[in-house]
PDB file of N, CA and C in Angstrom:
ATOM      1  N   UNK A   1     -15.754 -59.734 -61.770  1.00  0.00           N
ATOM      2  CA  UNK A   1     -14.595 -59.316 -61.878  1.00  0.00           C
ATOM      3  C   UNK A   1     -14.869 -58.201 -60.529  1.00  0.00           C
ATOM      4  N   UNK A   2     -14.429 -57.470 -60.519  1.00  0.00           N
ATOM      5  CA  UNK A   2     -14.347 -56.442 -59.377  1.00  0.00           C
ATOM      6  C   UNK A   2     -14.373 -55.402 -60.301  1.00  0.00           C
ATOM      7  N   UNK A   3     -15.469 -53.329 -59.938  1.00  0.00           N
ATOM      8  CA  UNK A   3     -16.089 -52.896 -60.502  1.00  0.00           C
ATOM      9  C   UNK A   3     -14.178 -52.140 -60.997  1.00  0.00           C
ATOM     10  N   UNK A   4     -13.346 -52.514 -59.744  1.00  0.00           N
ATOM     11  CA  UNK A   4     -11.592 -52.084 -60.632  1.00  0.00           C
ATOM     12  C   UNK A   4     -10.780 -53.081 -60.964  1.00  0.00           C
ATOM     13  N   UNK A   5     -11.824 -54.070 -61.582  1.00  0.00           N
ATOM     14  CA  UNK A   5     -10.991 -55.066 -62.255  1.00  0.00           C
ATOM     15  C   UNK A   5      -9.609 -56.280 -61.902  1.00  0.00           C
ATOM     16  N   UNK A   6      -9.381 -56.199 -59.853  1.00  0.00           N
ATOM     17  CA  UNK A   6      -9.045 -56.480 -59.355  1.00  0.00           C
ATOM     18  C   UNK A   6      -9.696 -58.232 -59.022  1.00  0.00           C
ATOM     19  N   UNK A   7      -9.430 -58.906 -58.366  1.00  0.00           N
ATOM     20  CA  UNK A   7     -10.020 -60.551 -58.157  1.00  0.00           C
ATOM     21  C   UNK A   7     -11.503 -59.795 -57.779  1.00  0.00           C
ATOM     22  N   UNK A   8     -11.795 -60.294 -58.275  1.00  0.00           N
ATOM     23  CA  UNK A   8     -13.734 -60.578 -57.733  1.00  0.00           C
ATOM     24  C   UNK A   8     -13.931 -60.513 -56.244  1.00  0.00           C
ATOM     25  N   UNK A   9     -14.475 -59.684 -56.205  1.00  0.00           N
ATOM     26  CA  UNK A   9     -15.326 -59.015 -54.404  1.00  0.00           C
ATOM     27  C   UNK A   9     -16.087 -60.014 -53.933  1.00  0.00           C
ATOM     28  N   UNK A  10     -16.300 -60.645 -52.512  1.00  0.00           N
ATOM     29  CA  UNK A  10     -16.928 -60.784 -52.154  1.00  0.00           C
ATOM     30  C   UNK A  10     -18.886 -60.583 -51.806  1.00  0.00           C
ATOM     31  N   UNK A  11     -19.504 -61.450 -51.952  1.00  0.00           N
ATOM     32  CA  UNK A  11     -21.166 -60.893 -51.552  1.00  0.00           C
ATOM     33  C   UNK A  11     -21.229 -62.454 -50.887  1.00  0.00           C
ATOM     34  N   UNK A  12     -21.795 -62.356 -49.898  1.00  0.00           N
ATOM     35  CA  UNK A  12     -22.293 -62.894 -49.115  1.00  0.00           C
ATOM     36  C   UNK A  12     -24.050 -63.531 -49.438  1.00  0.00           C
ATOM     37  N   UNK A  13     -23.931 -65.062 -49.386  1.00  0.00           N
ATOM     38  CA  UNK A  13     -25.328 -65.506 -49.797  1.00  0.00           C
ATOM     39  C   UNK A  13     -25.845 -65.061 -49.124  1.00  0.00           C
ATOM     40  N   UNK A  14     -27.379 -65.042 -49.718  1.00  0.00           N
ATOM     41  CA  UNK A  14     -28.730 -64.996 -49.027  1.00  0.00           C
ATOM     42  C   UNK A  14     -28.602 -65.100 -48.098  1.00  0.00           C
ATOM     43  N   UNK A  15     -28.365 -66.841 -47.641  1.00  0.00           N
ATOM     44  CA  UNK A  15     -28.244 -67.390 -46.037  1.00  0.00           C
ATOM     45  C   UNK A  15     -26.990 -66.698 -45.351  1.00  0.00           C
ATOM     46  N   UNK A  16     -26.686 -65.724 -46.035  1.00  0.00           N
ATOM     47  CA  UNK A  16     -25.109 -64.378 -45.236  1.00  0.00           C
ATOM     48  C   UNK A  16     -25.244 -63.271 -44.593  1.00  0.00           C
ATOM     49  N   UNK A  17     -26.510 -62.936 -44.600  1.00  0.00           N
ATOM     50  CA  UNK A  17     -26.841 -61.392 -45.385  1.00  0.00           C
ATOM     51  C   UNK A  17     -27.370 -60.769 -43.672  1.00  0.00           C
ATOM     52  N   UNK A  18     -27.411 -59.430 -43.423  1.00  0.00           N
ATOM     53  CA  UNK A  18     -28.366 -58.695 -41.800  1.00  0.00           C
ATOM     54  C   UNK A  18     -29.003 -58.861 -42.736  1.00  0.00           C
ATOM     55  N   UNK A  19     -30.324 -59.482 -41.857  1.00  0.00           N
ATOM     56  CA  UNK A  19     -32.340 -59.351 -42.296  1.00  0.00           C
ATOM     57  C   UNK A  19     -32.443 -57.995 -41.933  1.00  0.00           C
ATOM     58  N   UNK A  20     -33.454 -56.828 -42.235  1.00  0.00           N
ATOM     59  CA  UNK A  20     -33.754 -55.639 -41.747  1.00  0.00           C
ATOM     60  C   UNK A  20     -34.109 -55.707 -40.816  1.00  0.00           C
ATOM     61  N   UNK A  21     -33.417 -54.626 -40.342  1.00  0.00           N
ATOM     62  CA  UNK A  21     -33.474 -53.770 -38.081  1.00  0.00           C
ATOM     63  C   UNK A  21     -35.268 -54.247 -37.774  1.00  0.00           C
ATOM     64  N   UNK A  22     -35.682 -54.246 -38.810  1.00  0.00           N
ATOM     65  CA  UNK A  22     -37.738 -54.060 -38.445  1.00  0.00           C
ATOM     66  C   UNK A  22     -37.331 -55.895 -37.726  1.00  0.00           C
ATOM     67  N   UNK A  23     -37.475 -56.790 -39.081  1.00  0.00           N
ATOM     68  CA  UNK A  23     -37.210 -57.881 -38.466  1.00  0.00           C
ATOM     69  C   UNK A  23     -36.114 -58.494 -37.314  1.00  0.00           C
ATOM     70  N   UNK A  24     -35.378 -57.901 -37.561  1.00  0.00           N
ATOM     71  CA  UNK A  24     -34.052 -58.544 -35.993  1.00  0.00           C
ATOM     72  C   UNK A  24     -34.934 -57.831 -35.144  1.00  0.00           C
ATOM     73  N   UNK A  25     -35.385 -56.480 -34.800  1.00  0.00           N
ATOM     74  CA  UNK A  25     -36.288 -56.766 -33.402  1.00  0.00           C
ATOM     75  C   UNK A  25     -37.818 -57.824 -33.187  1.00  0.00           C
ATOM     76  N   UNK A  26     -37.934 -58.199 -35.037  1.00  0.00           N
ATOM     77  CA  UNK A  26     -39.302 -59.235 -33.974  1.00  0.00           C
ATOM     78  C   UNK A  26     -38.643 -60.091 -34.025  1.00  0.00           C
ATOM     79  N   UNK A  27     -37.196 -61.105 -34.440  1.00  0.00           N
ATOM     80  CA  UNK A  27     -36.477 -61.339 -33.825  1.00  0.00           C
ATOM     81  C   UNK A  27     -36.112 -61.893 -32.260  1.00  0.00           C
ATOM     82  N   UNK A  28     -35.119 -60.133 -31.934  1.00  0.00           N
ATOM     83  CA  UNK A  28     -35.222 -60.615 -30.669  1.00  0.00           C
ATOM     84  C   UNK A  28     -36.975 -60.572 -30.077  1.00  0.00           C
ATOM     85  N   UNK A  29     -37.749 -60.390 -30.206  1.00  0.00           N
ATOM     86  CA  UNK A  29     -38.905 -60.069 -29.572  1.00  0.00           C
ATOM     87  C   UNK A  29     -39.166 -61.613 -29.780  1.00  0.00           C
ATOM     88  N   UNK A  30     -39.409 -62.986 -30.456  1.00  0.00           N
ATOM     89  CA  UNK A  30     -39.128 -63.953 -30.580  1.00  0.00           C
ATOM     90  C   UNK A  30     -38.755 -64.341 -29.931  1.00  0.00           C
ATOM     91  N   UNK A  31     -37.271 -64.044 -29.461  1.00  0.00           N
ATOM     92  CA  UNK A  31     -36.611 -64.690 -29.205  1.00  0.00           C
ATOM     93  C   UNK A  31     -36.630 -64.679 -27.141  1.00  0.00           C
ATOM     94  N   UNK A  32     -37.654 -63.649 -27.452  1.00  0.00           N
ATOM     95  CA  UNK A  32     -37.265 -62.624 -25.125  1.00  0.00           C
ATOM     96  C   UNK A  32     -38.611 -63.709 -24.869  1.00  0.00           C
ATOM     97  N   UNK A  33     -39.420 -64.087 -26.500  1.00  0.00           N
ATOM     98  CA  UNK A  33     -40.900 -64.748 -25.564  1.00  0.00           C
ATOM     99  C   UNK A  33     -40.376 -66.143 -25.084  1.00  0.00           C
ATOM    100  N   UNK A  34     -39.343 -66.198 -26.399  1.00  0.00           N
ATOM    101  CA  UNK A  34     -39.954 -67.981 -25.256  1.00  0.00           C
ATOM    102  C   UNK A  34     -38.640 -68.410 -24.000  1.00  0.00           C
ATOM    103  N   UNK A  35     -37.605 -67.345 -24.680  1.00  0.00           N
ATOM    104  CA  UNK A  35     -36.662 -67.542 -22.800  1.00  0.00           C
ATOM    105  C   UNK A  35     -38.075 -66.998 -22.122  1.00  0.00           C
ATOM    106  N   UNK A  36     -38.794 -66.399 -21.533  1.00  0.00           N
ATOM    107  CA  UNK A  36     -40.187 -66.905 -20.818  1.00  0.00           C
ATOM    108  C   UNK A  36     -40.348 -68.028 -20.518  1.00  0.00           C
ATOM    109  N   UNK A  37     -40.417 -68.355 -21.990  1.00  0.00           N
ATOM    110  CA  UNK A  37     -41.744 -69.512 -21.648  1.00  0.00           C
ATOM    111  C   UNK A  37     -40.983 -71.249 -20.556  1.00  0.00           C
ATOM    112  N   UNK A  38     -39.090 -70.871 -21.360  1.00  0.00           N
ATOM    113  CA  UNK A  38     -38.710 -72.452 -21.169  1.00  0.00           C
ATOM    114  C   UNK A  38     -38.334 -71.863 -19.365  1.00  0.00           C
ATOM    115  N   UNK A  39     -38.317 -70.313 -19.535  1.00  0.00           N
ATOM    116  CA  UNK A  39     -38.771 -69.885 -17.159  1.00  0.00           C
ATOM    117  C   UNK A  39     -39.253 -70.352 -17.104  1.00  0.00           C
ATOM    118  N   UNK A  40     -39.858 -69.868 -17.384  1.00  0.00           N
ATOM    119  CA  UNK A  40     -41.491 -70.639 -16.783  1.00  0.00           C
ATOM    120  C   UNK A  40     -41.636 -71.936 -17.198  1.00  0.00           C
ATOM    121  N   UNK A  41     -40.962 -73.113 -17.188  1.00  0.00           N
ATOM    122  CA  UNK A  41     -40.892 -74.517 -17.175  1.00  0.00           C
ATOM    123  C   UNK A  41     -40.058 -74.699 -16.579  1.00  0.00           C
ATOM    124  N   UNK A  42     -38.789 -74.391 -16.087  1.00  0.00           N
ATOM    125  CA  UNK A  42     -37.412 -74.262 -15.589  1.00  0.00           C
ATOM    126  C   UNK A  42     -38.054 -75.029 -13.901  1.00  0.00           C
ATOM    127  N   UNK A  43     -38.138 -76.195 -13.918  1.00  0.00           N
ATOM    128  CA  UNK A  43     -37.397 -77.063 -12.791  1.00  0.00           C
ATOM    129  C   UNK A  43     -36.072 -75.775 -11.932  1.00  0.00           C
ATOM    130  N   UNK A  44     -34.776 -75.290 -12.238  1.00  0.00           N
ATOM    131  CA  UNK A  44     -34.206 -75.291 -11.132  1.00  0.00           C
ATOM    132  C   UNK A  44     -34.420 -73.462 -10.449  1.00  0.00           C
ATOM    133  N   UNK A  45     -34.157 -73.633 -10.121  1.00  0.00           N
ATOM    134  CA  UNK A  45     -34.903 -71.421  -9.453  1.00  0.00           C
ATOM    135  C   UNK A  45     -33.236 -70.674 -10.703  1.00  0.00           C
ATOM    136  N   UNK A  46     -31.947 -71.620 -10.714  1.00  0.00           N
ATOM    137  CA  UNK A  46     -30.735 -71.412 -11.248  1.00  0.00           C
ATOM    138  C   UNK A  46     -30.880 -70.832 -13.310  1.00  0.00           C
ATOM    139  N   UNK A  47     -31.907 -72.247 -13.534  1.00  0.00           N
ATOM    140  CA  UNK A  47     -32.598 -72.603 -14.450  1.00  0.00           C
ATOM    141  C   UNK A  47     -32.968 -72.080 -14.855  1.00  0.00           C
ATOM    142  N   UNK A  48     -33.602 -71.104 -13.677  1.00  0.00           N
ATOM    143  CA  UNK A  48     -35.356 -70.159 -14.391  1.00  0.00           C
ATOM    144  C   UNK A  48     -34.355 -68.621 -14.293  1.00  0.00           C
ATOM    145  N   UNK A  49     -33.729 -68.628 -13.495  1.00  0.00           N
ATOM    146  CA  UNK A  49     -33.072 -67.752 -13.750  1.00  0.00           C
ATOM    147  C   UNK A  49     -32.212 -66.769 -15.078  1.00  0.00           C
ATOM    148  N   UNK A  50     -31.657 -67.317 -15.198  1.00  0.00           N
ATOM    149  CA  UNK A  50     -31.128 -67.593 -16.567  1.00  0.00           C
ATOM    150  C   UNK A  50     -31.870 -67.757 -17.444  1.00  0.00           C
ATOM    151  N   UNK A  51     -32.718 -68.311 -17.192  1.00  0.00           N
ATOM    152  CA  UNK A  51     -34.328 -67.714 -18.739  1.00  0.00           C
ATOM    153  C   UNK A  51     -34.376 -66.274 -18.294  1.00  0.00           C
ATOM    154  N   UNK A  52     -34.438 -65.612 -17.723  1.00  0.00           N
ATOM    155  CA  UNK A  52     -34.998 -64.377 -17.425  1.00  0.00           C
ATOM    156  C   UNK A  52     -34.701 -63.353 -17.722  1.00  0.00           C
ATOM    157  N   UNK A  53     -32.458 -63.532 -17.408  1.00  0.00           N
ATOM    158  CA  UNK A  53     -31.937 -62.264 -17.591  1.00  0.00           C
ATOM    159  C   UNK A  53     -31.856 -62.373 -19.116  1.00  0.00           C
ATOM    160  N   UNK A  54     -32.064 -63.503 -20.426  1.00  0.00           N
ATOM    161  CA  UNK A  54     -31.991 -63.767 -21.216  1.00  0.00           C
ATOM    162  C   UNK A  54     -32.325 -63.477 -21.905  1.00  0.00           C
ATOM    163  N   UNK A  55     -33.999 -63.633 -20.895  1.00  0.00           N
ATOM    164  CA  UNK A  55     -35.860 -62.630 -21.651  1.00  0.00           C
ATOM    165  C   UNK A  55     -35.357 -61.089 -22.212  1.00  0.00           C
ATOM    166  N   UNK A  56     -34.672 -60.252 -20.546  1.00  0.00           N
ATOM    167  CA  UNK A  56     -34.510 -59.807 -20.683  1.00  0.00           C
ATOM    168  C   UNK A  56     -34.012 -58.253 -21.347  1.00  0.00           C
ATOM    169  N   UNK A  57     -33.253 -59.079 -21.804  1.00  0.00           N
ATOM    170  CA  UNK A  57     -31.112 -59.055 -22.270  1.00  0.00           C
ATOM    171  C   UNK A  57     -31.856 -58.683 -24.057  1.00  0.00           C
ATOM    172  N   UNK A  58     -32.988 -59.992 -24.926  1.00  0.00           N
ATOM    173  CA  UNK A  58     -33.458 -60.240 -26.108  1.00  0.00           C
ATOM    174  C   UNK A  58     -34.460 -58.451 -25.871  1.00  0.00           C
ATOM    175  N   UNK A  59     -35.027 -58.759 -25.250  1.00  0.00           N
ATOM    176  CA  UNK A  59     -35.996 -57.215 -24.967  1.00  0.00           C
ATOM    177  C   UNK A  59     -34.872 -55.929 -25.209  1.00  0.00           C
ATOM    178  N   UNK A  60     -34.339 -55.816 -24.586  1.00  0.00           N
ATOM    179  CA  UNK A  60     -32.709 -54.755 -24.303  1.00  0.00           C
ATOM    180  C   UNK A  60     -32.236 -54.543 -25.323  1.00  0.00           C
ATOM    181  N   UNK A  61     -32.169 -55.762 -26.626  1.00  0.00           N
ATOM    182  CA  UNK A  61     -31.400 -55.112 -28.458  1.00  0.00           C
ATOM    183  C   UNK A  61     -33.100 -55.377 -28.749  1.00  0.00           C
ATOM    184  N   UNK A  62     -34.188 -56.344 -28.646  1.00  0.00           N
ATOM    185  CA  UNK A  62     -35.046 -54.976 -29.127  1.00  0.00           C
ATOM    186  C   UNK A  62     -35.287 -53.956 -29.783  1.00  0.00           C
ATOM    187  N   UNK A  63     -35.537 -53.412 -27.851  1.00  0.00           N
ATOM    188  CA  UNK A  63     -36.154 -51.823 -28.272  1.00  0.00           C
ATOM    189  C   UNK A  63     -34.303 -51.173 -28.309  1.00  0.00           C
ATOM    190  N   UNK A  64     -33.071 -51.454 -28.952  1.00  0.00           N
ATOM    191  CA  UNK A  64     -32.071 -50.584 -29.189  1.00  0.00           C
ATOM    192  C   UNK A  64     -32.261 -50.581 -31.030  1.00  0.00           C
ATOM    193  N   UNK A  65     -32.413 -51.807 -31.440  1.00  0.00           N
ATOM    194  CA  UNK A  65     -32.761 -52.532 -32.279  1.00  0.00           C
ATOM    195  C   UNK A  65     -34.323 -51.437 -33.760  1.00  0.00           C
ATOM    196  N   UNK A  66     -35.080 -50.754 -32.711  1.00  0.00           N
ATOM    197  CA  UNK A  66     -36.122 -50.052 -32.688  1.00  0.00           C
ATOM    198  C   UNK A  66     -35.762 -48.883 -33.055  1.00  0.00           C
ATOM    199  N   UNK A  67     -35.379 -48.071 -31.359  1.00  0.00           N
ATOM    200  CA  UNK A  67     -34.983 -46.530 -32.141  1.00  0.00           C
ATOM    201  C   UNK A  67     -33.883 -46.331 -32.524  1.00  0.00           C
ATOM    202  N   UNK A  68     -32.867 -47.297 -33.515  1.00  0.00           N
ATOM    203  CA  UNK A  68     -32.014 -47.752 -34.589  1.00  0.00           C
ATOM    204  C   UNK A  68     -33.181 -46.865 -35.575  1.00  0.00           C
ATOM    205  N   UNK A  69     -33.857 -48.068 -36.231  1.00  0.00           N
ATOM    206  CA  UNK A  69     -34.149 -47.906 -37.328  1.00  0.00           C
ATOM    207  C   UNK A  69     -35.005 -46.841 -37.001  1.00  0.00           C
ATOM    208  N   UNK A  70     -35.740 -46.787 -36.021  1.00  0.00           N
ATOM    209  CA  UNK A  70     -36.062 -45.162 -36.120  1.00  0.00           C
ATOM    210  C   UNK A  70     -34.995 -43.459 -36.385  1.00  0.00           C
ATOM    211  N   UNK A  71     -34.764 -44.113 -35.905  1.00  0.00           N
ATOM    212  CA  UNK A  71     -33.202 -42.555 -35.680  1.00  0.00           C
ATOM    213  C   UNK A  71     -32.563 -42.947 -37.267  1.00  0.00           C
ATOM    214  N   UNK A  72     -32.806 -44.528 -38.631  1.00  0.00           N
ATOM    215  CA  UNK A  72     -31.944 -43.884 -39.920  1.00  0.00           C
ATOM    216  C   UNK A  72     -32.616 -43.287 -40.193  1.00  0.00           C
ATOM    217  N   UNK A  73     -34.076 -44.049 -39.607  1.00  0.00           N
ATOM    218  CA  UNK A  73     -35.741 -43.036 -40.443  1.00  0.00           C
ATOM    219  C   UNK A  73     -35.162 -42.098 -41.039  1.00  0.00           C
ATOM    220  N   UNK A  74     -35.369 -41.297 -39.866  1.00  0.00           N
ATOM    221  CA  UNK A  74     -34.744 -39.600 -39.391  1.00  0.00           C
ATOM    222  C   UNK A  74     -33.921 -38.861 -40.676  1.00  0.00           C
ATOM    223  N   UNK A  75     -33.131 -39.600 -40.504  1.00  0.00           N
ATOM    224  CA  UNK A  75     -31.905 -39.383 -40.293  1.00  0.00           C
ATOM    225  C   UNK A  75     -31.491 -39.056 -42.382  1.00  0.00           C
ATOM    226  N   UNK A  76     -32.523 -40.428 -42.353  1.00  0.00           N
ATOM    227  CA  UNK A  76     -32.549 -40.523 -44.307  1.00  0.00           C
ATOM    228  C   UNK A  76     -33.638 -39.720 -44.900  1.00  0.00           C
ATOM    229  N   UNK A  77     -34.462 -38.972 -43.741  1.00  0.00           N
ATOM    230  CA  UNK A  77     -35.625 -37.929 -44.297  1.00  0.00           C
ATOM    231  C   UNK A  77     -34.924 -36.913 -44.126  1.00  0.00           C
ATOM    232  N   UNK A  78     -34.166 -36.273 -42.852  1.00  0.00           N
ATOM    233  CA  UNK A  78     -33.362 -35.691 -42.716  1.00  0.00           C
ATOM    234  C   UNK A  78     -32.461 -35.375 -43.955  1.00  0.00           C
ATOM    235  N   UNK A  79     -31.457 -36.151 -44.347  1.00  0.00           N
ATOM    236  CA  UNK A  79     -30.804 -35.937 -45.393  1.00  0.00           C
ATOM    237  C   UNK A  79     -31.482 -36.322 -46.782  1.00  0.00           C
ATOM    238  N   UNK A  80     -32.229 -36.929 -47.550  1.00  0.00           N
ATOM    239  CA  UNK A  80     -32.997 -35.522 -48.533  1.00  0.00           C
ATOM    240  C   UNK A  80     -34.334 -34.963 -48.979  1.00  0.00           C
ATOM    241  N   UNK A  81     -34.156 -34.329 -47.924  1.00  0.00           N
ATOM    242  CA  UNK A  81     -35.337 -33.422 -47.623  1.00  0.00           C
ATOM    243  C   UNK A  81     -33.694 -31.554 -47.865  1.00  0.00           C
ATOM    244  N   UNK A  82     -32.648 -32.325 -46.733  1.00  0.00           N
ATOM    245  CA  UNK A  82     -30.933 -31.354 -47.279  1.00  0.00           C
ATOM    246  C   UNK A  82     -30.634 -31.772 -49.356  1.00  0.00           C
ATOM    247  N   UNK A  83     -31.444 -32.843 -49.816  1.00  0.00           N
ATOM    248  CA  UNK A  83     -30.144 -32.670 -51.061  1.00  0.00           C
ATOM    249  C   UNK A  83     -31.703 -31.910 -51.632  1.00  0.00           C
ATOM    250  N   UNK A  84     -33.056 -32.616 -51.285  1.00  0.00           N
ATOM    251  CA  UNK A  84     -33.547 -31.409 -51.888  1.00  0.00           C
ATOM    252  C   UNK A  84     -34.032 -29.950 -52.188  1.00  0.00           C
ATOM    253  N   UNK A  85     -33.279 -29.323 -50.569  1.00  0.00           N
ATOM    254  CA  UNK A  85     -33.414 -28.078 -50.523  1.00  0.00           C
ATOM    255  C   UNK A  85     -32.497 -27.542 -51.563  1.00  0.00           C
ATOM    256  N   UNK A  86     -30.989 -28.802 -51.427  1.00  0.00           N
ATOM    257  CA  UNK A  86     -30.387 -27.784 -51.983  1.00  0.00           C
ATOM    258  C   UNK A  86     -30.020 -27.686 -53.705  1.00  0.00           C
ATOM    259  N   UNK A  87     -31.085 -28.495 -53.919  1.00  0.00           N
ATOM    260  CA  UNK A  87     -31.000 -28.110 -55.367  1.00  0.00           C
ATOM    261  C   UNK A  87     -32.150 -27.393 -56.186  1.00  0.00           C
ATOM    262  N   UNK A  88     -32.822 -27.275 -55.005  1.00  0.00           N
ATOM    263  CA  UNK A  88     -33.510 -26.151 -55.485  1.00  0.00           C
ATOM    264  C   UNK A  88     -32.810 -25.104 -55.315  1.00  0.00           C
ATOM    265  N   UNK A  89     -31.394 -24.337 -55.078  1.00  0.00           N
ATOM    266  CA  UNK A  89     -30.813 -23.587 -55.368  1.00  0.00           C
ATOM    267  C   UNK A  89     -29.726 -23.441 -56.182  1.00  0.00           C
TER     268      UNK A  89
END
């Protein structure tokens, strides 16, 4: 049952839950390396180009995920500091 007593709320199974950001960035980097590897073994120019574009995109997503995780950490620390200062007053 839901907290309000209505219909049960949905809880995603573990396989569908979003992984932590640092794991996501690692996944993106792994996919970039995989695309680079596939580009190196590609015999057709257009296939090689496609894999290199994919590798670049995966690397950019990893960089964004890392920056987002860093900003989130900074924001959480600032929020905690503000709450502690508020409690001191």
